[in-house]
Structure formats: C-alpha cells, structure tokens
Amino acid sequence: MALELIAAKRVEQGTGASRRLRHAGQTPAVIYGGDKAPEAVTVDHNTVFYALKDEAFHTSVIELIVDGAKEPVLVRDFQMHPYKQQVMHVDFQRVNMSEKVHVRVPLHYVNADVSPAVKLHGGRLSYILNEVEVRALPGNLPNFIEVDLSATIGGQIVHLSDLKLPEGVESVSLLRNEDLAIASASGKVKAE
C-alpha cells in the first residue's frame, strides 16, 4: 500500500507564522535526514490528522510530494494540541530504500480467549509490551506483528524469541541479546 502526502515548502518560520498556518488549515512540518539539509514544509491539517489515526501510517514509508518532487519518508514524531483535536507539528525523516531503518512496530495479540491458560486453567493473559523495535529495509517494514496466544498455558511467559517476524525483519532487542518478555499467563497447570 503506497501512502502519499502532498506538502509545500514553507518560507516563513516562527511562532506567528506557524499560528497563521494553523488558522489557515495547514500544519507546519519538517523533513530531515539523509544527505540533504532539513526542510520546512506545510501539509494539510485534516489529511494528516486522519492519517495519524491509522496505525499503518506510523510504520509505513510515505511518498511525500514536495512541490512536485517525491521523497520517501517515515513519520518520526508529531505534536498534538493539549486539549483541541489539532496536530501542531509533524517530523518526517528521509529514508534511503537500500538502508535498514529502526522503527517501533505495534504488536497485535490474537487468540487470547481460546488459549488453554484462560479456557482450561482459569488464568489471565497480561500484555507486557504493546510495541517492539525492529530493523529492516523500508520496503520490508510490517504494519504490525501478530502474536498468536492460542497455545499459551498457565504460568507461561511469551518472549521476543517466540515471535514469528516477517522475512527481512530483525528485532533490535534480540540483536542486543535481550530476550524481553512480551506477555505472560497466570494460573497453573492442574495435575490430573
């Protein structure tokens, strides 16, 4: 799925200029990274606001079209207004499609309700992590990683090494020899 976002270069900078942009329905943003200098741009507020609600927008490579020129970028940070539903600023990082990048990817837990820990042993499943940092080429980045808990028994701890990562994706923690726990099941296996 190719995501595209249209941006325009921004000449005026500062608090007053950013405030005028926001009143005009635009959001100030910056593009940094790569071998180019940082570039101040603006993007349409509503487009970015609703795109940020989509989980895939945070982990996908976006084709940012700046005055007709396309650049592959990742969303690295954004700031929201404290109480209004308004995006105040967005940071984009340029990516080289042939270099690996580090990205935090959400975990989707499935089949927790049919696991033996819950169904047979009266236990509970606790989710310790809700995202993991992975390293991959930008074209191989997953939108999420699915964690199947259907075989989890009481007293079991699910670790990063138990995940089935997509082809070309590596866990940064595992590369550091840190096999973190991502979920645990309470309850004990009853002796028969």
C-alpha atoms as a PDB file:
ATOM      1  CA  MET A   1       0.000   0.000   0.000  1.00  0.00           C
ATOM      2  CA  ALA A   2       1.642   3.220  -1.149  1.00  0.00           C
ATOM      3  CA  LEU A   3       0.807   6.202   1.024  1.00  0.00           C
ATOM      4  CA  GLU A   4       1.156   9.655  -0.484  1.00  0.00           C
ATOM      5  CA  LEU A   5       1.034  13.038   1.178  1.00  0.00           C
ATOM      6  CA  ILE A   6       1.236  16.420  -0.533  1.00  0.00           C
ATOM      7  CA  ALA A   7       3.373  19.122   1.069  1.00  0.00           C
ATOM      8  CA  ALA A   8       4.534  22.624   0.161  1.00  0.00           C
ATOM      9  CA  LYS A   9       7.761  24.397   1.049  1.00  0.00           C
ATOM     10  CA  ARG A  10       7.449  26.958   3.791  1.00  0.00           C
ATOM     11  CA  VAL A  11       9.445  30.186   3.767  1.00  0.00           C
ATOM     12  CA  GLU A  12       8.164  31.948   6.886  1.00  0.00           C
ATOM     13  CA  GLN A  13       9.084  30.329  10.171  1.00  0.00           C
ATOM     14  CA  GLY A  14       8.499  31.140  13.802  1.00  0.00           C
ATOM     15  CA  THR A  15       5.603  31.173  16.219  1.00  0.00           C
ATOM     16  CA  GLY A  16       3.499  33.784  14.413  1.00  0.00           C
ATOM     17  CA  ALA A  17       3.940  32.167  11.006  1.00  0.00           C
ATOM     18  CA  SER A  18       3.066  28.722  12.411  1.00  0.00           C
ATOM     19  CA  ARG A  19      -0.026  30.148  14.100  1.00  0.00           C
ATOM     20  CA  ARG A  20      -1.177  31.722  10.804  1.00  0.00           C
ATOM     21  CA  LEU A  21      -0.643  28.385   9.024  1.00  0.00           C
ATOM     22  CA  ARG A  22      -2.721  26.511  11.594  1.00  0.00           C
ATOM     23  CA  HIS A  23      -5.551  29.054  11.287  1.00  0.00           C
ATOM     24  CA  ALA A  24      -5.446  28.503   7.510  1.00  0.00           C
ATOM     25  CA  GLY A  25      -5.896  24.726   7.941  1.00  0.00           C
ATOM     26  CA  GLN A  26      -2.236  23.820   7.421  1.00  0.00           C
ATOM     27  CA  THR A  27       0.196  22.030   9.736  1.00  0.00           C
ATOM     28  CA  PRO A  28       3.875  23.026   9.944  1.00  0.00           C
ATOM     29  CA  ALA A  29       6.276  20.134   9.410  1.00  0.00           C
ATOM     30  CA  VAL A  30       9.959  19.458   8.871  1.00  0.00           C
ATOM     31  CA  ILE A  31      11.799  16.887   6.758  1.00  0.00           C
ATOM     32  CA  TYR A  32      15.259  15.886   7.977  1.00  0.00           C
ATOM     33  CA  GLY A  33      17.843  13.170   7.481  1.00  0.00           C
ATOM     34  CA  GLY A  34      19.752  11.793   4.561  1.00  0.00           C
ATOM     35  CA  ASP A  35      22.376  13.897   2.851  1.00  0.00           C
ATOM     36  CA  LYS A  36      20.117  16.958   2.488  1.00  0.00           C
ATOM     37  CA  ALA A  37      19.594  19.865   4.847  1.00  0.00           C
ATOM     38  CA  PRO A  38      16.407  19.969   6.936  1.00  0.00           C
ATOM     39  CA  GLU A  39      13.492  21.434   5.025  1.00  0.00           C
ATOM     40  CA  ALA A  40      10.488  23.287   6.455  1.00  0.00           C
ATOM     41  CA  VAL A  41       7.183  22.327   4.807  1.00  0.00           C
ATOM     42  CA  THR A  42       3.440  22.509   5.384  1.00  0.00           C
ATOM     43  CA  VAL A  43       0.856  19.755   4.994  1.00  0.00           C
ATOM     44  CA  ASP A  44      -2.944  19.836   5.020  1.00  0.00           C
ATOM     45  CA  HIS A  45      -4.150  19.523   8.618  1.00  0.00           C
ATOM     46  CA  ASN A  46      -7.192  17.319   8.055  1.00  0.00           C
ATOM     47  CA  THR A  47      -5.288  14.907   5.827  1.00  0.00           C
ATOM     48  CA  VAL A  48      -2.548  14.463   8.457  1.00  0.00           C
ATOM     49  CA  PHE A  49      -4.986  14.407  11.388  1.00  0.00           C
ATOM     50  CA  TYR A  50      -6.978  11.485   9.972  1.00  0.00           C
ATOM     51  CA  ALA A  51      -3.882   9.709   8.622  1.00  0.00           C
ATOM     52  CA  LEU A  52      -2.328   9.729  12.114  1.00  0.00           C
ATOM     53  CA  LYS A  53      -5.347   7.762  13.386  1.00  0.00           C
ATOM     54  CA  ASP A  54      -4.353   4.936  11.017  1.00  0.00           C
ATOM     55  CA  GLU A  55      -1.838   2.625  12.675  1.00  0.00           C
ATOM     56  CA  ALA A  56      -0.142   1.791   9.362  1.00  0.00           C
ATOM     57  CA  PHE A  57       0.694   5.476   8.755  1.00  0.00           C
ATOM     58  CA  HIS A  58       3.209   5.371  11.629  1.00  0.00           C
ATOM     59  CA  THR A  59       5.188   2.385  10.297  1.00  0.00           C
ATOM     60  CA  SER A  60       4.895   2.778   6.527  1.00  0.00           C
ATOM     61  CA  VAL A  61       7.106   4.570   4.066  1.00  0.00           C
ATOM     62  CA  ILE A  62       5.224   7.630   2.823  1.00  0.00           C
ATOM     63  CA  GLU A  63       5.804   9.281  -0.533  1.00  0.00           C
ATOM     64  CA  LEU A  64       5.929  12.949   0.444  1.00  0.00           C
ATOM     65  CA  ILE A  65       5.332  15.105  -2.641  1.00  0.00           C
ATOM     66  CA  VAL A  66       7.007  18.468  -2.039  1.00  0.00           C
ATOM     67  CA  ASP A  67       6.254  20.885  -4.877  1.00  0.00           C
ATOM     68  CA  GLY A  68       6.131  18.012  -7.387  1.00  0.00           C
ATOM     69  CA  ALA A  69       9.243  16.119  -6.183  1.00  0.00           C
ATOM     70  CA  LYS A  70       8.654  12.779  -4.402  1.00  0.00           C
ATOM     71  CA  GLU A  71      10.656  11.807  -1.328  1.00  0.00           C
ATOM     72  CA  PRO A  72      10.291   8.598   0.710  1.00  0.00           C
ATOM     73  CA  VAL A  73       9.878   9.469   4.401  1.00  0.00           C
ATOM     74  CA  LEU A  74       8.800   7.994   7.743  1.00  0.00           C
ATOM     75  CA  VAL A  75       6.787   9.806  10.411  1.00  0.00           C
ATOM     76  CA  ARG A  76       9.183  10.136  13.337  1.00  0.00           C
ATOM     77  CA  ASP A  77       7.274  12.444  15.678  1.00  0.00           C
ATOM     78  CA  PHE A  78       4.187  14.639  15.920  1.00  0.00           C
ATOM     79  CA  GLN A  79       2.793  17.027  18.486  1.00  0.00           C
ATOM     80  CA  MET A  80      -0.879  17.425  19.323  1.00  0.00           C
ATOM     81  CA  HIS A  81      -2.594  20.384  20.981  1.00  0.00           C
ATOM     82  CA  PRO A  82      -3.144  19.704  24.715  1.00  0.00           C
ATOM     83  CA  TYR A  83      -6.954  19.794  24.513  1.00  0.00           C
ATOM     84  CA  LYS A  84      -8.008  20.588  20.923  1.00  0.00           C
ATOM     85  CA  GLN A  85      -8.118  17.956  18.216  1.00  0.00           C
ATOM     86  CA  GLN A  86      -5.321  19.648  16.322  1.00  0.00           C
ATOM     87  CA  VAL A  87      -1.947  18.458  15.045  1.00  0.00           C
ATOM     88  CA  MET A  88       0.597  21.146  15.939  1.00  0.00           C
ATOM     89  CA  HIS A  89       3.696  19.814  14.128  1.00  0.00           C
ATOM     90  CA  VAL A  90       4.978  16.732  12.288  1.00  0.00           C
ATOM     91  CA  ASP A  91       8.570  15.483  11.864  1.00  0.00           C
ATOM     92  CA  PHE A  92       9.389  13.395   8.794  1.00  0.00           C
ATOM     93  CA  GLN A  93      12.665  11.526   8.301  1.00  0.00           C
ATOM     94  CA  ARG A  94      14.034  10.891   4.827  1.00  0.00           C
ATOM     95  CA  VAL A  95      14.820   7.239   4.156  1.00  0.00           C
ATOM     96  CA  ASN A  96      17.123   5.524   1.721  1.00  0.00           C
ATOM     97  CA  MET A  97      15.276   2.494   0.364  1.00  0.00           C
ATOM     98  CA  SER A  98      18.532   0.464   0.356  1.00  0.00           C
ATOM     99  CA  GLU A  99      19.483   1.145   4.023  1.00  0.00           C
ATOM    100  CA  LYS A 100      17.922  -0.524   7.062  1.00  0.00           C
ATOM    101  CA  VAL A 101      15.934   1.649   9.462  1.00  0.00           C
ATOM    102  CA  HIS A 102      14.802   1.212  13.073  1.00  0.00           C
ATOM    103  CA  VAL A 103      11.055   1.537  13.658  1.00  0.00           C
ATOM    104  CA  ARG A 104       8.726   0.742  16.548  1.00  0.00           C
ATOM    105  CA  VAL A 105       6.032  -1.658  15.326  1.00  0.00           C
ATOM    106  CA  PRO A 106       2.815  -2.422  17.256  1.00  0.00           C
ATOM    107  CA  LEU A 107       2.001  -5.917  18.479  1.00  0.00           C
ATOM    108  CA  HIS A 108      -1.453  -7.395  17.795  1.00  0.00           C
ATOM    109  CA  TYR A 109      -2.375 -10.131  20.272  1.00  0.00           C
ATOM    110  CA  VAL A 110      -4.773 -12.749  18.863  1.00  0.00           C
ATOM    111  CA  ASN A 111      -6.492 -15.909  20.144  1.00  0.00           C
ATOM    112  CA  ALA A 112      -6.092 -14.986  23.816  1.00  0.00           C
ATOM    113  CA  ASP A 113      -9.662 -16.079  24.537  1.00  0.00           C
ATOM    114  CA  VAL A 114      -9.057 -19.636  23.264  1.00  0.00           C
ATOM    115  CA  SER A 115      -5.711 -20.248  24.962  1.00  0.00           C
ATOM    116  CA  PRO A 116      -5.535 -23.154  27.464  1.00  0.00           C
ATOM    117  CA  ALA A 117      -4.351 -20.710  30.144  1.00  0.00           C
ATOM    118  CA  VAL A 118      -7.732 -18.954  30.009  1.00  0.00           C
ATOM    119  CA  LYS A 119     -10.117 -21.720  28.919  1.00  0.00           C
ATOM    120  CA  LEU A 120      -8.793 -24.633  30.994  1.00  0.00           C
ATOM    121  CA  HIS A 121      -6.791 -23.173  33.853  1.00  0.00           C
ATOM    122  CA  GLY A 122      -8.813 -20.079  34.761  1.00  0.00           C
ATOM    123  CA  GLY A 123      -5.835 -17.809  34.276  1.00  0.00           C
ATOM    124  CA  ARG A 124      -5.355 -14.407  32.727  1.00  0.00           C
ATOM    125  CA  LEU A 125      -3.101 -13.153  29.974  1.00  0.00           C
ATOM    126  CA  SER A 126      -1.149  -9.973  30.660  1.00  0.00           C
ATOM    127  CA  TYR A 127       0.378  -7.980  27.829  1.00  0.00           C
ATOM    128  CA  ILE A 128       3.748  -6.576  28.867  1.00  0.00           C
ATOM    129  CA  LEU A 129       4.753  -4.863  25.611  1.00  0.00           C
ATOM    130  CA  ASN A 130       2.488  -3.266  23.031  1.00  0.00           C
ATOM    131  CA  GLU A 131       5.241  -2.472  20.502  1.00  0.00           C
ATOM    132  CA  VAL A 132       8.728  -3.679  19.619  1.00  0.00           C
ATOM    133  CA  GLU A 133      11.622  -2.016  17.843  1.00  0.00           C
ATOM    134  CA  VAL A 134      12.593  -3.719  14.600  1.00  0.00           C
ATOM    135  CA  ARG A 135      15.277  -3.195  11.968  1.00  0.00           C
ATOM    136  CA  ALA A 136      14.503  -3.721   8.288  1.00  0.00           C
ATOM    137  CA  LEU A 137      14.741  -2.232   4.828  1.00  0.00           C
ATOM    138  CA  PRO A 138      11.986   0.385   4.397  1.00  0.00           C
ATOM    139  CA  GLY A 139      10.212  -1.786   1.824  1.00  0.00           C
ATOM    140  CA  ASN A 140      10.022  -4.732   4.277  1.00  0.00           C
ATOM    141  CA  LEU A 141       8.592  -2.855   7.274  1.00  0.00           C
ATOM    142  CA  PRO A 142       5.484  -4.580   8.649  1.00  0.00           C
ATOM    143  CA  ASN A 143       2.475  -2.522   9.727  1.00  0.00           C
ATOM    144  CA  PHE A 144       2.151  -4.741  12.819  1.00  0.00           C
ATOM    145  CA  ILE A 145       3.389  -8.051  14.221  1.00  0.00           C
ATOM    146  CA  GLU A 146       0.815 -10.648  15.186  1.00  0.00           C
ATOM    147  CA  VAL A 147       1.299 -12.588  18.437  1.00  0.00           C
ATOM    148  CA  ASP A 148      -0.688 -15.840  18.475  1.00  0.00           C
ATOM    149  CA  LEU A 149      -1.546 -16.835  22.052  1.00  0.00           C
ATOM    150  CA  SER A 150      -3.678 -19.900  21.199  1.00  0.00           C
ATOM    151  CA  ALA A 151      -1.124 -22.356  22.648  1.00  0.00           C
ATOM    152  CA  THR A 152      -0.283 -20.397  25.811  1.00  0.00           C
ATOM    153  CA  ILE A 153      -0.645 -22.436  29.003  1.00  0.00           C
ATOM    154  CA  GLY A 154      -0.866 -21.293  32.628  1.00  0.00           C
ATOM    155  CA  GLY A 155       2.385 -19.952  34.035  1.00  0.00           C
ATOM    156  CA  GLN A 156       3.974 -19.456  30.596  1.00  0.00           C
ATOM    157  CA  ILE A 157       5.860 -16.341  29.582  1.00  0.00           C
ATOM    158  CA  VAL A 158       5.979 -15.366  25.893  1.00  0.00           C
ATOM    159  CA  HIS A 159       9.316 -13.821  24.844  1.00  0.00           C
ATOM    160  CA  LEU A 160      10.515 -11.888  21.795  1.00  0.00           C
ATOM    161  CA  SER A 161      12.240 -15.037  20.541  1.00  0.00           C
ATOM    162  CA  ASP A 162       8.795 -16.686  20.288  1.00  0.00           C
ATOM    163  CA  LEU A 163       7.625 -14.146  17.684  1.00  0.00           C
ATOM    164  CA  LYS A 164       7.446 -15.058  14.020  1.00  0.00           C
ATOM    165  CA  LEU A 165       8.926 -11.999  12.325  1.00  0.00           C
ATOM    166  CA  PRO A 166       8.363 -11.381   8.610  1.00  0.00           C
ATOM    167  CA  GLU A 167      11.176 -12.065   6.150  1.00  0.00           C
ATOM    168  CA  GLY A 168      13.958  -9.462   6.362  1.00  0.00           C
ATOM    169  CA  VAL A 169      12.809  -8.055   9.732  1.00  0.00           C
ATOM    170  CA  GLU A 170      15.024  -8.305  12.828  1.00  0.00           C
ATOM    171  CA  SER A 171      14.241  -7.498  16.456  1.00  0.00           C
ATOM    172  CA  VAL A 172      16.644  -4.859  17.778  1.00  0.00           C
ATOM    173  CA  SER A 173      16.401  -6.263  21.316  1.00  0.00           C
ATOM    174  CA  LEU A 174      17.273  -9.779  20.147  1.00  0.00           C
ATOM    175  CA  LEU A 175      20.272  -8.375  18.258  1.00  0.00           C
ATOM    176  CA  ARG A 176      21.420  -6.990  21.636  1.00  0.00           C
ATOM    177  CA  ASN A 177      20.847 -10.422  23.258  1.00  0.00           C
ATOM    178  CA  GLU A 178      17.871  -9.087  25.227  1.00  0.00           C
ATOM    179  CA  ASP A 179      15.031 -11.620  25.016  1.00  0.00           C
ATOM    180  CA  LEU A 180      12.313  -9.491  26.596  1.00  0.00           C
ATOM    181  CA  ALA A 181       9.026 -10.864  27.879  1.00  0.00           C
ATOM    182  CA  ILE A 182       6.079  -9.606  25.849  1.00  0.00           C
ATOM    183  CA  ALA A 183       3.173 -11.450  27.522  1.00  0.00           C
ATOM    184  CA  SER A 184       2.542 -13.741  30.483  1.00  0.00           C
ATOM    185  CA  ALA A 185      -0.188 -16.137  31.506  1.00  0.00           C
ATOM    186  CA  SER A 186      -1.274 -16.531  35.118  1.00  0.00           C
ATOM    187  CA  GLY A 187      -2.684 -19.730  36.526  1.00  0.00           C
ATOM    188  CA  LYS A 188      -1.117 -23.134  36.966  1.00  0.00           C
ATOM    189  CA  VAL A 189      -1.457 -26.342  35.059  1.00  0.00           C
ATOM    190  CA  LYS A 190      -3.635 -28.648  37.156  1.00  0.00           C
ATOM    191  CA  ALA A 191      -2.213 -32.112  37.819  1.00  0.00           C
ATOM    192  CA  GLU A 192      -4.506 -34.843  36.583  1.00  0.00           C
END
